[in-house]
Amino acid sequence: MTEVQKRENEMEEDLEMTMEEKIEHLERRIEELQKVINANLEEAHNAKVLDVEKIKEALNTGSDYVMNAVKPVMEKCQTSGKEAVAKVETKVSENPLISLMTAFGIGIALGTAVNYIVKSSERKD
């Protein structure tokens, strides 16, 4: 073998090693990225679970608010459950616009409560 052929062989071997090293580096990088993706997926799943819990808490708080608002009216009437339902049905049918506005107001109050609870819990995190 001549000196030129030896150098050409050495250069080819160096080139092959370099390519193998690059491939190994890329494989390691792919593994690292897969770990990051898996961690992000797990974190996203946990965040969804937390959001459900926040919604449950907000709904519980909202329902407590509605119950506290309705309780004095119910105590004032001091009627049986059937009579109270009949009274409410009568009031709603007599005043549908006021009933609609009341339901809308309660919806706004619940939405505000949910928004406040979610934002306050995000600030804590």
PDB file of N, CA and C in Angstrom:
ATOM      1  N   MET A   1       0.829  -1.174   0.000  1.00  0.00           N
ATOM      2  CA  MET A   1       0.000   0.000   0.000  1.00  0.00           C
ATOM      3  C   MET A   1       0.871   1.234   0.000  1.00  0.00           C
ATOM      4  N   THR A   2       0.457   2.160  -0.780  1.00  0.00           N
ATOM      5  CA  THR A   2       1.237   3.393  -0.851  1.00  0.00           C
ATOM      6  C   THR A   2       0.810   4.316   0.286  1.00  0.00           C
ATOM      7  N   GLU A   3       1.606   5.305   0.468  1.00  0.00           N
ATOM      8  CA  GLU A   3       1.338   6.288   1.523  1.00  0.00           C
ATOM      9  C   GLU A   3       0.017   7.008   1.286  1.00  0.00           C
ATOM     10  N   VAL A   4      -0.299   7.302   0.077  1.00  0.00           N
ATOM     11  CA  VAL A   4      -1.542   8.000  -0.278  1.00  0.00           C
ATOM     12  C   VAL A   4      -2.739   7.116   0.054  1.00  0.00           C
ATOM     13  N   GLN A   5      -2.648   5.841  -0.254  1.00  0.00           N
ATOM     14  CA  GLN A   5      -3.745   4.920   0.028  1.00  0.00           C
ATOM     15  C   GLN A   5      -3.954   4.780   1.527  1.00  0.00           C
ATOM     16  N   LYS A   6      -2.840   4.747   2.284  1.00  0.00           N
ATOM     17  CA  LYS A   6      -2.942   4.653   3.740  1.00  0.00           C
ATOM     18  C   LYS A   6      -3.671   5.877   4.300  1.00  0.00           C
ATOM     19  N   ARG A   7      -3.322   7.031   3.822  1.00  0.00           N
ATOM     20  CA  ARG A   7      -3.960   8.266   4.291  1.00  0.00           C
ATOM     21  C   ARG A   7      -5.442   8.281   3.924  1.00  0.00           C
ATOM     22  N   GLU A   8      -5.735   7.817   2.726  1.00  0.00           N
ATOM     23  CA  GLU A   8      -7.132   7.778   2.310  1.00  0.00           C
ATOM     24  C   GLU A   8      -7.925   6.822   3.200  1.00  0.00           C
ATOM     25  N   ASN A   9      -7.359   5.690   3.539  1.00  0.00           N
ATOM     26  CA  ASN A   9      -8.022   4.735   4.426  1.00  0.00           C
ATOM     27  C   ASN A   9      -8.223   5.334   5.823  1.00  0.00           C
ATOM     28  N   GLU A  10      -7.196   5.998   6.324  1.00  0.00           N
ATOM     29  CA  GLU A  10      -7.295   6.632   7.634  1.00  0.00           C
ATOM     30  C   GLU A  10      -8.380   7.709   7.632  1.00  0.00           C
ATOM     31  N   MET A  11      -8.448   8.487   6.586  1.00  0.00           N
ATOM     32  CA  MET A  11      -9.455   9.547   6.488  1.00  0.00           C
ATOM     33  C   MET A  11     -10.866   8.945   6.433  1.00  0.00           C
ATOM     34  N   GLU A  12     -10.979   7.823   5.704  1.00  0.00           N
ATOM     35  CA  GLU A  12     -12.284   7.163   5.637  1.00  0.00           C
ATOM     36  C   GLU A  12     -12.680   6.626   6.999  1.00  0.00           C
ATOM     37  N   GLU A  13     -11.743   6.044   7.738  1.00  0.00           N
ATOM     38  CA  GLU A  13     -12.020   5.531   9.074  1.00  0.00           C
ATOM     39  C   GLU A  13     -12.409   6.676  10.007  1.00  0.00           C
ATOM     40  N   ASP A  14     -11.672   7.795   9.925  1.00  0.00           N
ATOM     41  CA  ASP A  14     -11.997   8.957  10.748  1.00  0.00           C
ATOM     42  C   ASP A  14     -13.397   9.467  10.413  1.00  0.00           C
ATOM     43  N   LEU A  15     -13.708   9.497   9.152  1.00  0.00           N
ATOM     44  CA  LEU A  15     -15.025   9.955   8.716  1.00  0.00           C
ATOM     45  C   LEU A  15     -16.109   9.019   9.248  1.00  0.00           C
ATOM     46  N   GLU A  16     -15.895   7.724   9.171  1.00  0.00           N
ATOM     47  CA  GLU A  16     -16.845   6.747   9.685  1.00  0.00           C
ATOM     48  C   GLU A  16     -17.003   6.899  11.192  1.00  0.00           C
ATOM     49  N   MET A  17     -15.926   7.091  11.922  1.00  0.00           N
ATOM     50  CA  MET A  17     -16.002   7.274  13.372  1.00  0.00           C
ATOM     51  C   MET A  17     -16.781   8.537  13.696  1.00  0.00           C
ATOM     52  N   THR A  18     -16.497   9.538  12.961  1.00  0.00           N
ATOM     53  CA  THR A  18     -17.195  10.788  13.194  1.00  0.00           C
ATOM     54  C   THR A  18     -18.688  10.597  12.960  1.00  0.00           C
ATOM     55  N   MET A  19     -19.056   9.897  11.927  1.00  0.00           N
ATOM     56  CA  MET A  19     -20.466   9.645  11.651  1.00  0.00           C
ATOM     57  C   MET A  19     -21.079   8.787  12.747  1.00  0.00           C
ATOM     58  N   GLU A  20     -20.349   7.770  13.197  1.00  0.00           N
ATOM     59  CA  GLU A  20     -20.845   6.926  14.284  1.00  0.00           C
ATOM     60  C   GLU A  20     -21.009   7.742  15.564  1.00  0.00           C
ATOM     61  N   GLU A  21     -20.055   8.606  15.848  1.00  0.00           N
ATOM     62  CA  GLU A  21     -20.153   9.451  17.027  1.00  0.00           C
ATOM     63  C   GLU A  21     -21.352  10.389  16.919  1.00  0.00           C
ATOM     64  N   LYS A  22     -21.558  10.920  15.720  1.00  0.00           N
ATOM     65  CA  LYS A  22     -22.707  11.800  15.520  1.00  0.00           C
ATOM     66  C   LYS A  22     -24.013  11.045  15.728  1.00  0.00           C
ATOM     67  N   ILE A  23     -24.066   9.836  15.220  1.00  0.00           N
ATOM     68  CA  ILE A  23     -25.271   9.021  15.375  1.00  0.00           C
ATOM     69  C   ILE A  23     -25.511   8.725  16.856  1.00  0.00           C
ATOM     70  N   GLU A  24     -24.462   8.355  17.570  1.00  0.00           N
ATOM     71  CA  GLU A  24     -24.593   8.092  19.005  1.00  0.00           C
ATOM     72  C   GLU A  24     -25.063   9.343  19.748  1.00  0.00           C
ATOM     73  N   HIS A  25     -24.494  10.473  19.381  1.00  0.00           N
ATOM     74  CA  HIS A  25     -24.896  11.736  20.006  1.00  0.00           C
ATOM     75  C   HIS A  25     -26.374  12.024  19.738  1.00  0.00           C
ATOM     76  N   LEU A  26     -26.791  11.813  18.506  1.00  0.00           N
ATOM     77  CA  LEU A  26     -28.192  12.034  18.157  1.00  0.00           C
ATOM     78  C   LEU A  26     -29.117  11.071  18.902  1.00  0.00           C
ATOM     79  N   GLU A  27     -28.692   9.823  19.049  1.00  0.00           N
ATOM     80  CA  GLU A  27     -29.503   8.854  19.793  1.00  0.00           C
ATOM     81  C   GLU A  27     -29.649   9.279  21.252  1.00  0.00           C
ATOM     82  N   ARG A  28     -28.546   9.745  21.853  1.00  0.00           N
ATOM     83  CA  ARG A  28     -28.613  10.223  23.249  1.00  0.00           C
ATOM     84  C   ARG A  28     -29.548  11.424  23.358  1.00  0.00           C
ATOM     85  N   ARG A  29     -29.452  12.316  22.383  1.00  0.00           N
ATOM     86  CA  ARG A  29     -30.285  13.529  22.398  1.00  0.00           C
ATOM     87  C   ARG A  29     -31.768  13.165  22.249  1.00  0.00           C
ATOM     88  N   ILE A  30     -32.050  12.177  21.399  1.00  0.00           N
ATOM     89  CA  ILE A  30     -33.436  11.719  21.230  1.00  0.00           C
ATOM     90  C   ILE A  30     -33.963  11.148  22.541  1.00  0.00           C
ATOM     91  N   GLU A  31     -33.153  10.369  23.226  1.00  0.00           N
ATOM     92  CA  GLU A  31     -33.570   9.808  24.519  1.00  0.00           C
ATOM     93  C   GLU A  31     -33.848  10.920  25.524  1.00  0.00           C
ATOM     94  N   GLU A  32     -33.004  11.939  25.564  1.00  0.00           N
ATOM     95  CA  GLU A  32     -33.216  13.062  26.471  1.00  0.00           C
ATOM     96  C   GLU A  32     -34.525  13.775  26.155  1.00  0.00           C
ATOM     97  N   LEU A  33     -34.774  13.994  24.882  1.00  0.00           N
ATOM     98  CA  LEU A  33     -36.006  14.670  24.469  1.00  0.00           C
ATOM     99  C   LEU A  33     -37.242  13.832  24.789  1.00  0.00           C
ATOM    100  N   GLN A  34     -37.135  12.514  24.651  1.00  0.00           N
ATOM    101  CA  GLN A  34     -38.254  11.646  25.004  1.00  0.00           C
ATOM    102  C   GLN A  34     -38.564  11.749  26.496  1.00  0.00           C
ATOM    103  N   LYS A  35     -37.520  11.831  27.317  1.00  0.00           N
ATOM    104  CA  LYS A  35     -37.733  11.979  28.756  1.00  0.00           C
ATOM    105  C   LYS A  35     -38.422  13.308  29.067  1.00  0.00           C
ATOM    106  N   VAL A  36     -37.998  14.366  28.399  1.00  0.00           N
ATOM    107  CA  VAL A  36     -38.608  15.677  28.613  1.00  0.00           C
ATOM    108  C   VAL A  36     -40.078  15.657  28.187  1.00  0.00           C
ATOM    109  N   ILE A  37     -40.358  15.045  27.056  1.00  0.00           N
ATOM    110  CA  ILE A  37     -41.740  14.962  26.575  1.00  0.00           C
ATOM    111  C   ILE A  37     -42.601  14.177  27.560  1.00  0.00           C
ATOM    112  N   ASN A  38     -42.099  13.053  28.028  1.00  0.00           N
ATOM    113  CA  ASN A  38     -42.848  12.251  28.995  1.00  0.00           C
ATOM    114  C   ASN A  38     -43.102  13.026  30.276  1.00  0.00           C
ATOM    115  N   ALA A  39     -42.113  13.761  30.745  1.00  0.00           N
ATOM    116  CA  ALA A  39     -42.291  14.566  31.954  1.00  0.00           C
ATOM    117  C   ALA A  39     -43.342  15.648  31.730  1.00  0.00           C
ATOM    118  N   ASN A  40     -43.312  16.285  30.557  1.00  0.00           N
ATOM    119  CA  ASN A  40     -44.299  17.319  30.242  1.00  0.00           C
ATOM    120  C   ASN A  40     -45.706  16.732  30.148  1.00  0.00           C
ATOM    121  N   LEU A  41     -45.825  15.549  29.563  1.00  0.00           N
ATOM    122  CA  LEU A  41     -47.132  14.903  29.473  1.00  0.00           C
ATOM    123  C   LEU A  41     -47.676  14.582  30.856  1.00  0.00           C
ATOM    124  N   GLU A  42     -46.816  14.080  31.720  1.00  0.00           N
ATOM    125  CA  GLU A  42     -47.240  13.762  33.082  1.00  0.00           C
ATOM    126  C   GLU A  42     -47.653  15.030  33.828  1.00  0.00           C
ATOM    127  N   GLU A  43     -46.890  16.082  33.646  1.00  0.00           N
ATOM    128  CA  GLU A  43     -47.218  17.360  34.285  1.00  0.00           C
ATOM    129  C   GLU A  43     -48.546  17.906  33.768  1.00  0.00           C
ATOM    130  N   ALA A  44     -48.776  17.788  32.483  1.00  0.00           N
ATOM    131  CA  ALA A  44     -50.042  18.261  31.900  1.00  0.00           C
ATOM    132  C   ALA A  44     -51.210  17.448  32.435  1.00  0.00           C
ATOM    133  N   HIS A  45     -51.012  16.145  32.577  1.00  0.00           N
ATOM    134  CA  HIS A  45     -52.073  15.294  33.126  1.00  0.00           C
ATOM    135  C   HIS A  45     -52.374  15.700  34.565  1.00  0.00           C
ATOM    136  N   ASN A  46     -51.348  15.931  35.357  1.00  0.00           N
ATOM    137  CA  ASN A  46     -51.547  16.351  36.744  1.00  0.00           C
ATOM    138  C   ASN A  46     -52.243  17.695  36.816  1.00  0.00           C
ATOM    139  N   ALA A  47     -51.918  18.589  35.895  1.00  0.00           N
ATOM    140  CA  ALA A  47     -52.560  19.907  35.883  1.00  0.00           C
ATOM    141  C   ALA A  47     -54.041  19.769  35.594  1.00  0.00           C
ATOM    142  N   LYS A  48     -54.430  18.858  34.693  1.00  0.00           N
ATOM    143  CA  LYS A  48     -55.834  18.645  34.404  1.00  0.00           C
ATOM    144  C   LYS A  48     -56.566  18.122  35.630  1.00  0.00           C
ATOM    145  N   VAL A  49     -55.942  17.239  36.376  1.00  0.00           N
ATOM    146  CA  VAL A  49     -56.558  16.713  37.584  1.00  0.00           C
ATOM    147  C   VAL A  49     -56.766  17.838  38.583  1.00  0.00           C
ATOM    148  N   LEU A  50     -55.780  18.714  38.717  1.00  0.00           N
ATOM    149  CA  LEU A  50     -55.911  19.830  39.635  1.00  0.00           C
ATOM    150  C   LEU A  50     -57.020  20.768  39.200  1.00  0.00           C
ATOM    151  N   ASP A  51     -57.173  20.999  37.912  1.00  0.00           N
ATOM    152  CA  ASP A  51     -58.232  21.872  37.427  1.00  0.00           C
ATOM    153  C   ASP A  51     -59.600  21.309  37.779  1.00  0.00           C
ATOM    154  N   VAL A  52     -59.774  20.017  37.702  1.00  0.00           N
ATOM    155  CA  VAL A  52     -61.040  19.395  38.060  1.00  0.00           C
ATOM    156  C   VAL A  52     -61.317  19.626  39.540  1.00  0.00           C
ATOM    157  N   GLU A  53     -60.300  19.488  40.358  1.00  0.00           N
ATOM    158  CA  GLU A  53     -60.470  19.723  41.788  1.00  0.00           C
ATOM    159  C   GLU A  53     -60.841  21.178  42.060  1.00  0.00           C
ATOM    160  N   LYS A  54     -60.231  22.110  41.344  1.00  0.00           N
ATOM    161  CA  LYS A  54     -60.565  23.526  41.511  1.00  0.00           C
ATOM    162  C   LYS A  54     -62.009  23.783  41.132  1.00  0.00           C
ATOM    163  N   ILE A  55     -62.455  23.145  40.068  1.00  0.00           N
ATOM    164  CA  ILE A  55     -63.847  23.315  39.633  1.00  0.00           C
ATOM    165  C   ILE A  55     -64.800  22.763  40.678  1.00  0.00           C
ATOM    166  N   LYS A  56     -64.482  21.616  41.244  1.00  0.00           N
ATOM    167  CA  LYS A  56     -65.325  21.047  42.293  1.00  0.00           C
ATOM    168  C   LYS A  56     -65.413  21.993  43.490  1.00  0.00           C
ATOM    169  N   GLU A  57     -64.273  22.533  43.894  1.00  0.00           N
ATOM    170  CA  GLU A  57     -64.258  23.468  45.014  1.00  0.00           C
ATOM    171  C   GLU A  57     -65.088  24.703  44.703  1.00  0.00           C
ATOM    172  N   ALA A  58     -64.954  25.215  43.492  1.00  0.00           N
ATOM    173  CA  ALA A  58     -65.704  26.408  43.099  1.00  0.00           C
ATOM    174  C   ALA A  58     -67.206  26.130  43.100  1.00  0.00           C
ATOM    175  N   LEU A  59     -67.595  24.961  42.602  1.00  0.00           N
ATOM    176  CA  LEU A  59     -69.015  24.614  42.592  1.00  0.00           C
ATOM    177  C   LEU A  59     -69.550  24.455  44.009  1.00  0.00           C
ATOM    178  N   ASN A  60     -68.758  23.857  44.887  1.00  0.00           N
ATOM    179  CA  ASN A  60     -69.185  23.727  46.280  1.00  0.00           C
ATOM    180  C   ASN A  60     -69.362  25.093  46.924  1.00  0.00           C
ATOM    181  N   THR A  61     -68.429  25.989  46.678  1.00  0.00           N
ATOM    182  CA  THR A  61     -68.516  27.337  47.226  1.00  0.00           C
ATOM    183  C   THR A  61     -69.731  28.066  46.659  1.00  0.00           C
ATOM    184  N   GLY A  62     -69.952  27.924  45.367  1.00  0.00           N
ATOM    185  CA  GLY A  62     -71.103  28.559  44.732  1.00  0.00           C
ATOM    186  C   GLY A  62     -72.419  28.026  45.264  1.00  0.00           C
ATOM    187  N   SER A  63     -72.485  26.711  45.458  1.00  0.00           N
ATOM    188  CA  SER A  63     -73.725  26.135  45.981  1.00  0.00           C
ATOM    189  C   SER A  63     -73.968  26.592  47.414  1.00  0.00           C
ATOM    190  N   ASP A  64     -72.906  26.732  48.202  1.00  0.00           N
ATOM    191  CA  ASP A  64     -73.055  27.265  49.564  1.00  0.00           C
ATOM    192  C   ASP A  64     -73.585  28.691  49.521  1.00  0.00           C
ATOM    193  N   TYR A  65     -73.078  29.470  48.577  1.00  0.00           N
ATOM    194  CA  TYR A  65     -73.520  30.856  48.427  1.00  0.00           C
ATOM    195  C   TYR A  65     -75.012  30.910  48.095  1.00  0.00           C
ATOM    196  N   VAL A  66     -75.441  30.071  47.167  1.00  0.00           N
ATOM    197  CA  VAL A  66     -76.850  30.044  46.785  1.00  0.00           C
ATOM    198  C   VAL A  66     -77.711  29.582  47.952  1.00  0.00           C
ATOM    199  N   MET A  67     -77.269  28.563  48.650  1.00  0.00           N
ATOM    200  CA  MET A  67     -78.041  28.065  49.798  1.00  0.00           C
ATOM    201  C   MET A  67     -78.175  29.137  50.872  1.00  0.00           C
ATOM    202  N   ASN A  68     -77.112  29.867  51.136  1.00  0.00           N
ATOM    203  CA  ASN A  68     -77.178  30.936  52.136  1.00  0.00           C
ATOM    204  C   ASN A  68     -78.097  32.060  51.680  1.00  0.00           C
ATOM    205  N   ALA A  69     -78.159  32.312  50.389  1.00  0.00           N
ATOM    206  CA  ALA A  69     -79.046  33.353  49.873  1.00  0.00           C
ATOM    207  C   ALA A  69     -80.502  32.912  49.930  1.00  0.00           C
ATOM    208  N   VAL A  70     -80.787  31.635  49.733  1.00  0.00           N
ATOM    209  CA  VAL A  70     -82.155  31.127  49.702  1.00  0.00           C
ATOM    210  C   VAL A  70     -82.675  30.828  51.106  1.00  0.00           C
ATOM    211  N   LYS A  71     -81.795  30.498  52.027  1.00  0.00           N
ATOM    212  CA  LYS A  71     -82.196  30.073  53.363  1.00  0.00           C
ATOM    213  C   LYS A  71     -83.102  31.089  54.073  1.00  0.00           C
ATOM    214  N   PRO A  72     -82.795  32.390  54.109  1.00  0.00           N
ATOM    215  CA  PRO A  72     -83.693  33.329  54.805  1.00  0.00           C
ATOM    216  C   PRO A  72     -85.093  33.377  54.190  1.00  0.00           C
ATOM    217  N   VAL A  73     -85.174  33.276  52.879  1.00  0.00           N
ATOM    218  CA  VAL A  73     -86.481  33.281  52.220  1.00  0.00           C
ATOM    219  C   VAL A  73     -87.279  32.058  52.643  1.00  0.00           C
ATOM    220  N   MET A  74     -86.619  30.918  52.685  1.00  0.00           N
ATOM    221  CA  MET A  74     -87.299  29.682  53.075  1.00  0.00           C
ATOM    222  C   MET A  74     -87.744  29.736  54.539  1.00  0.00           C
ATOM    223  N   GLU A  75     -86.911  30.272  55.406  1.00  0.00           N
ATOM    224  CA  GLU A  75     -87.282  30.375  56.818  1.00  0.00           C
ATOM    225  C   GLU A  75     -88.442  31.349  57.011  1.00  0.00           C
ATOM    226  N   LYS A  76     -88.440  32.407  56.222  1.00  0.00           N
ATOM    227  CA  LYS A  76     -89.489  33.418  56.312  1.00  0.00           C
ATOM    228  C   LYS A  76     -90.839  32.827  55.908  1.00  0.00           C
ATOM    229  N   CYS A  77     -90.840  32.040  54.896  1.00  0.00           N
ATOM    230  CA  CYS A  77     -92.104  31.462  54.415  1.00  0.00           C
ATOM    231  C   CYS A  77     -92.663  30.428  55.387  1.00  0.00           C
ATOM    232  N   GLN A  78     -91.835  29.630  56.002  1.00  0.00           N
ATOM    233  CA  GLN A  78     -92.200  28.569  56.943  1.00  0.00           C
ATOM    234  C   GLN A  78     -93.352  27.717  56.413  1.00  0.00           C
ATOM    235  N   THR A  79     -93.182  27.307  55.210  1.00  0.00           N
ATOM    236  CA  THR A  79     -94.199  26.440  54.621  1.00  0.00           C
ATOM    237  C   THR A  79     -93.567  25.108  54.289  1.00  0.00           C
ATOM    238  N   SER A  80     -94.392  24.163  53.987  1.00  0.00           N
ATOM    239  CA  SER A  80     -93.856  22.846  53.640  1.00  0.00           C
ATOM    240  C   SER A  80     -93.164  22.904  52.284  1.00  0.00           C
ATOM    241  N   GLY A  81     -92.431  21.886  51.952  1.00  0.00           N
ATOM    242  CA  GLY A  81     -91.680  21.834  50.695  1.00  0.00           C
ATOM    243  C   GLY A  81     -92.569  21.931  49.475  1.00  0.00           C
ATOM    244  N   LYS A  82     -93.675  21.245  49.470  1.00  0.00           N
ATOM    245  CA  LYS A  82     -94.578  21.279  48.312  1.00  0.00           C
ATOM    246  C   LYS A  82     -95.185  22.659  48.144  1.00  0.00           C
ATOM    247  N   GLU A  83     -95.559  23.271  49.262  1.00  0.00           N
ATOM    248  CA  GLU A  83     -96.136  24.608  49.180  1.00  0.00           C
ATOM    249  C   GLU A  83     -95.100  25.608  48.676  1.00  0.00           C
ATOM    250  N   ALA A  84     -93.870  25.465  49.128  1.00  0.00           N
ATOM    251  CA  ALA A  84     -92.809  26.369  48.686  1.00  0.00           C
ATOM    252  C   ALA A  84     -92.561  26.213  47.183  1.00  0.00           C
ATOM    253  N   VAL A  85     -92.559  24.976  46.698  1.00  0.00           N
ATOM    254  CA  VAL A  85     -92.350  24.744  45.273  1.00  0.00           C
ATOM    255  C   VAL A  85     -93.499  25.349  44.480  1.00  0.00           C
ATOM    256  N   ALA A  86     -94.710  25.161  44.961  1.00  0.00           N
ATOM    257  CA  ALA A  86     -95.869  25.742  44.274  1.00  0.00           C
ATOM    258  C   ALA A  86     -95.776  27.259  44.261  1.00  0.00           C
ATOM    259  N   LYS A  87     -95.318  27.838  45.364  1.00  0.00           N
ATOM    260  CA  LYS A  87     -95.172  29.289  45.445  1.00  0.00           C
ATOM    261  C   LYS A  87     -94.122  29.782  44.452  1.00  0.00           C
ATOM    262  N   VAL A  88     -93.001  29.076  44.382  1.00  0.00           N
ATOM    263  CA  VAL A  88     -91.937  29.464  43.455  1.00  0.00           C
ATOM    264  C   VAL A  88     -92.423  29.342  42.013  1.00  0.00           C
ATOM    265  N   GLU A  89     -93.125  28.250  41.710  1.00  0.00           N
ATOM    266  CA  GLU A  89     -93.659  28.082  40.357  1.00  0.00           C
ATOM    267  C   GLU A  89     -94.603  29.222  39.999  1.00  0.00           C
ATOM    268  N   THR A  90     -95.414  29.611  40.952  1.00  0.00           N
ATOM    269  CA  THR A  90     -96.350  30.709  40.712  1.00  0.00           C
ATOM    270  C   THR A  90     -95.591  32.000  40.470  1.00  0.00           C
ATOM    271  N   LYS A  91     -94.603  32.281  41.302  1.00  0.00           N
ATOM    272  CA  LYS A  91     -93.817  33.513  41.161  1.00  0.00           C
ATOM    273  C   LYS A  91     -93.091  33.540  39.819  1.00  0.00           C
ATOM    274  N   VAL A  92     -92.537  32.415  39.441  1.00  0.00           N
ATOM    275  CA  VAL A  92     -91.801  32.360  38.172  1.00  0.00           C
ATOM    276  C   VAL A  92     -92.747  32.569  37.001  1.00  0.00           C
ATOM    277  N   SER A  93     -93.907  31.931  37.055  1.00  0.00           N
ATOM    278  CA  SER A  93     -94.848  32.085  35.942  1.00  0.00           C
ATOM    279  C   SER A  93     -95.455  33.482  35.912  1.00  0.00           C
ATOM    280  N   GLU A  94     -95.607  34.117  37.083  1.00  0.00           N
ATOM    281  CA  GLU A  94     -96.139  35.478  37.121  1.00  0.00           C
ATOM    282  C   GLU A  94     -95.100  36.505  36.669  1.00  0.00           C
ATOM    283  N   ASN A  95     -93.838  36.254  36.982  1.00  0.00           N
ATOM    284  CA  ASN A  95     -92.762  37.204  36.688  1.00  0.00           C
ATOM    285  C   ASN A  95     -91.610  36.506  35.956  1.00  0.00           C
ATOM    286  N   PRO A  96     -91.824  36.095  34.728  1.00  0.00           N
ATOM    287  CA  PRO A  96     -90.760  35.346  34.038  1.00  0.00           C
ATOM    288  C   PRO A  96     -89.509  36.188  33.797  1.00  0.00           C
ATOM    289  N   LEU A  97     -89.669  37.480  33.524  1.00  0.00           N
ATOM    290  CA  LEU A  97     -88.506  38.325  33.274  1.00  0.00           C
ATOM    291  C   LEU A  97     -87.657  38.482  34.532  1.00  0.00           C
ATOM    292  N   ILE A  98     -88.303  38.723  35.647  1.00  0.00           N
ATOM    293  CA  ILE A  98     -87.568  38.856  36.919  1.00  0.00           C
ATOM    294  C   ILE A  98     -86.891  37.531  37.267  1.00  0.00           C
ATOM    295  N   SER A  99     -87.589  36.422  37.027  1.00  0.00           N
ATOM    296  CA  SER A  99     -87.006  35.107  37.301  1.00  0.00           C
ATOM    297  C   SER A  99     -85.772  34.877  36.439  1.00  0.00           C
ATOM    298  N   LEU A 100     -85.891  35.257  35.170  1.00  0.00           N
ATOM    299  CA  LEU A 100     -84.759  35.105  34.262  1.00  0.00           C
ATOM    300  C   LEU A 100     -83.586  35.967  34.704  1.00  0.00           C
ATOM    301  N   MET A 101     -83.871  37.200  35.097  1.00  0.00           N
ATOM    302  CA  MET A 101     -82.803  38.096  35.549  1.00  0.00           C
ATOM    303  C   MET A 101     -82.181  37.590  36.848  1.00  0.00           C
ATOM    304  N   THR A 102     -82.985  37.021  37.729  1.00  0.00           N
ATOM    305  CA  THR A 102     -82.460  36.447  38.976  1.00  0.00           C
ATOM    306  C   THR A 102     -81.539  35.271  38.672  1.00  0.00           C
ATOM    307  N   ALA A 103     -81.976  34.398  37.787  1.00  0.00           N
ATOM    308  CA  ALA A 103     -81.133  33.250  37.412  1.00  0.00           C
ATOM    309  C   ALA A 103     -79.840  33.728  36.762  1.00  0.00           C
ATOM    310  N   PHE A 104     -79.934  34.753  35.920  1.00  0.00           N
ATOM    311  CA  PHE A 104     -78.749  35.325  35.280  1.00  0.00           C
ATOM    312  C   PHE A 104     -77.806  35.895  36.340  1.00  0.00           C
ATOM    313  N   GLY A 105     -78.360  36.618  37.304  1.00  0.00           N
ATOM    314  CA  GLY A 105     -77.541  37.192  38.386  1.00  0.00           C
ATOM    315  C   GLY A 105     -76.849  36.123  39.207  1.00  0.00           C
ATOM    316  N   ILE A 106     -77.567  35.050  39.503  1.00  0.00           N
ATOM    317  CA  ILE A 106     -76.958  33.940  40.245  1.00  0.00           C
ATOM    318  C   ILE A 106     -75.849  33.311  39.409  1.00  0.00           C
ATOM    319  N   GLY A 107     -76.068  33.187  38.108  1.00  0.00           N
ATOM    320  CA  GLY A 107     -75.021  32.657  37.220  1.00  0.00           C
ATOM    321  C   GLY A 107     -73.793  33.536  37.207  1.00  0.00           C
ATOM    322  N   ILE A 108     -74.011  34.854  37.162  1.00  0.00           N
ATOM    323  CA  ILE A 108     -72.875  35.799  37.209  1.00  0.00           C
ATOM    324  C   ILE A 108     -72.131  35.643  38.529  1.00  0.00           C
ATOM    325  N   ALA A 109     -72.883  35.553  39.634  1.00  0.00           N
ATOM    326  CA  ALA A 109     -72.250  35.407  40.952  1.00  0.00           C
ATOM    327  C   ALA A 109     -71.436  34.118  41.017  1.00  0.00           C
ATOM    328  N   LEU A 110     -71.990  33.025  40.505  1.00  0.00           N
ATOM    329  CA  LEU A 110     -71.255  31.754  40.505  1.00  0.00           C
ATOM    330  C   LEU A 110     -70.017  31.843  39.623  1.00  0.00           C
ATOM    331  N   GLY A 111     -70.165  32.457  38.454  1.00  0.00           N
ATOM    332  CA  GLY A 111     -69.009  32.609  37.559  1.00  0.00           C
ATOM    333  C   GLY A 111     -67.919  33.451  38.182  1.00  0.00           C
ATOM    334  N   THR A 112     -68.306  34.512  38.864  1.00  0.00           N
ATOM    335  CA  THR A 112     -67.328  35.365  39.540  1.00  0.00           C
ATOM    336  C   THR A 112     -66.634  34.599  40.661  1.00  0.00           C
ATOM    337  N   ALA A 113     -67.409  33.818  41.413  1.00  0.00           N
ATOM    338  CA  ALA A 113     -66.824  33.027  42.500  1.00  0.00           C
ATOM    339  C   ALA A 113     -65.833  32.002  41.954  1.00  0.00           C
ATOM    340  N   VAL A 114     -66.209  31.326  40.896  1.00  0.00           N
ATOM    341  CA  VAL A 114     -65.313  30.334  40.288  1.00  0.00           C
ATOM    342  C   VAL A 114     -64.045  31.014  39.784  1.00  0.00           C
ATOM    343  N   ASN A 115     -64.189  32.131  39.103  1.00  0.00           N
ATOM    344  CA  ASN A 115     -63.044  32.868  38.570  1.00  0.00           C
ATOM    345  C   ASN A 115     -62.118  33.315  39.707  1.00  0.00           C
ATOM    346  N   TYR A 116     -62.686  33.835  40.774  1.00  0.00           N
ATOM    347  CA  TYR A 116     -61.887  34.297  41.914  1.00  0.00           C
ATOM    348  C   TYR A 116     -61.130  33.142  42.557  1.00  0.00           C
ATOM    349  N   ILE A 117     -61.797  32.031  42.736  1.00  0.00           N
ATOM    350  CA  ILE A 117     -61.160  30.873  43.377  1.00  0.00           C
ATOM    351  C   ILE A 117     -60.028  30.333  42.512  1.00  0.00           C
ATOM    352  N   VAL A 118     -60.266  30.227  41.223  1.00  0.00           N
ATOM    353  CA  VAL A 118     -59.222  29.701  40.321  1.00  0.00           C
ATOM    354  C   VAL A 118     -58.022  30.637  40.291  1.00  0.00           C
ATOM    355  N   LYS A 119     -58.277  31.939  40.198  1.00  0.00           N
ATOM    356  CA  LYS A 119     -57.156  32.890  40.146  1.00  0.00           C
ATOM    357  C   LYS A 119     -56.397  32.916  41.459  1.00  0.00           C
ATOM    358  N   SER A 120     -57.109  32.833  42.590  1.00  0.00           N
ATOM    359  CA  SER A 120     -56.412  32.867  43.876  1.00  0.00           C
ATOM    360  C   SER A 120     -55.582  31.599  44.098  1.00  0.00           C
ATOM    361  N   SER A 121     -56.068  30.465  43.617  1.00  0.00           N
ATOM    362  CA  SER A 121     -55.295  29.230  43.758  1.00  0.00           C
ATOM    363  C   SER A 121     -54.095  29.227  42.815  1.00  0.00           C
ATOM    364  N   GLU A 122     -54.206  29.864  41.641  1.00  0.00           N
ATOM    365  CA  GLU A 122     -53.074  29.966  40.726  1.00  0.00           C
ATOM    366  C   GLU A 122     -51.987  30.852  41.317  1.00  0.00           C
ATOM    367  N   ARG A 123     -52.382  31.881  42.044  1.00  0.00           N
ATOM    368  CA  ARG A 123     -51.378  32.760  42.663  1.00  0.00           C
ATOM    369  C   ARG A 123     -50.610  32.029  43.747  1.00  0.00           C
ATOM    370  N   LYS A 124     -51.271  31.111  44.442  1.00  0.00           N
ATOM    371  CA  LYS A 124     -50.617  30.332  45.505  1.00  0.00           C
ATOM    372  C   LYS A 124     -49.590  29.377  44.921  1.00  0.00           C
ATOM    373  N   ASP A 125     -49.899  28.859  43.719  1.00  0.00           N
ATOM    374  CA  ASP A 125     -48.981  27.902  43.073  1.00  0.00           C
ATOM    375  C   ASP A 125     -47.776  28.655  42.627  1.00  0.00           C
TER     376      ASP A 125
END
